[in-house]
Amino acid sequence: MYRHPKGLGVWPAALLILLSVSSARAETLRFFAAGDLPYFSAETEQLRDLFDTAETEGTSFLIHVGDIKSGSSPCTDANLKTIADLFRVRAVPVVFTPGDNEWTDCHRERAGAKDPRERLARVREVFYGDPGVLRLDRLGIVRGEGADATDYPENYIFIREGVLFVTVHVVGSNNGYAPDDPAAVAEFEARDAANVRFLHQATALASERDAAAMVIIFHANPQFEKARPARGFVRFRRALVELMGAYPGPVLVIHGDTHRFKHDRPLIDPATGEPFKRFVRTEVPGSPVVGGVWISVDPRAEEPFGVSAMYPISRDRLMQ
């Protein structure tokens, strides 16, 4: 049986007050999400145009679920700076969680044969070390407890209209788990444990403060389609099941990774063998398709999560 983790008292009082107040006045919330872009130079300007359109249409914030380059293009500081600058000039905050192409896959020869841990440190420095890049302070984010707050700055929560948002650092390529690389295994084990701790903390907070809904954001598809996921996703998948037992409200997960737009209910309840009806997954499209998804959250509705894809660039033209 899942038990609420201890230590909820360390959450800032301001956050607890905010969640209590905003839960009581929950209204329909609308925002835009994209990811797995840009893979090619032309897609950088197309992503900029996509975000411009979303801002013009009134998104509360932007979400990018990671993979800001292709897995076979060089892992360079210049690339990180290009995307950081693109995020920096947005009119609204950018909720960004890293993908595997930014660091896990940088050991590939075509990606520069770089040390993935060194690249991860640079990702954290560029995107989370400078508060002007994502402007997460405007969202009133809260990070984990103790050392997790500094070691994993990419994990954070925030509240909008009574909805609790959570980002956790889960990436493709088996979540960075590479059994033949001791350094990779050590990094994976520590990050995976931190992800689960943070998800448990956020879940307990959402339940105790009666959050209207939860939205969980990460990069990788944790192999929802497989009954037995690969080693890198086992604990995270288990934590999502535990979440459903601990939190009674609707839950939406937003991820990328396979570049195919999906909107379904893929998490199986082990007690019944059927999908959890309260658990919904949205996967954003990705390169070579330049697009994203509009998401609305109305916890009072029969279907709390409304999703529609937006493709301002012709998919047929991109495939030519």
Foldseek 3Di string as FASTA:
>chain_A
DDDQDPDLVPPDPVQLVVLLVLQVQFDKAKAWEAEQDDADPVRLVVLLVQLVVRVVVPHQEYEYQENHYDLLAAQDPVSLVSVLVSQLPRPHFYLYAYECSQALSCCDVSHPNDHSVVSVVSNCCSQVVDCSRRVCVVQVKDADPDCRCVVPVSWIWGDDSLEIETEAEAYPPLSQDDPVDVVSPVVLVVRLVSRLVSLSSSLQSCAVSVRLEYEYGHADDQPLVDPDGPPSNVSVLVSVLVSVVRHPFAYEYEYEHPQDWDWAQRRANVVPRHGDPRYIYTYFHHPPQPWIKMWMADSVDPPRIDIDIDGPDDPVVSVD
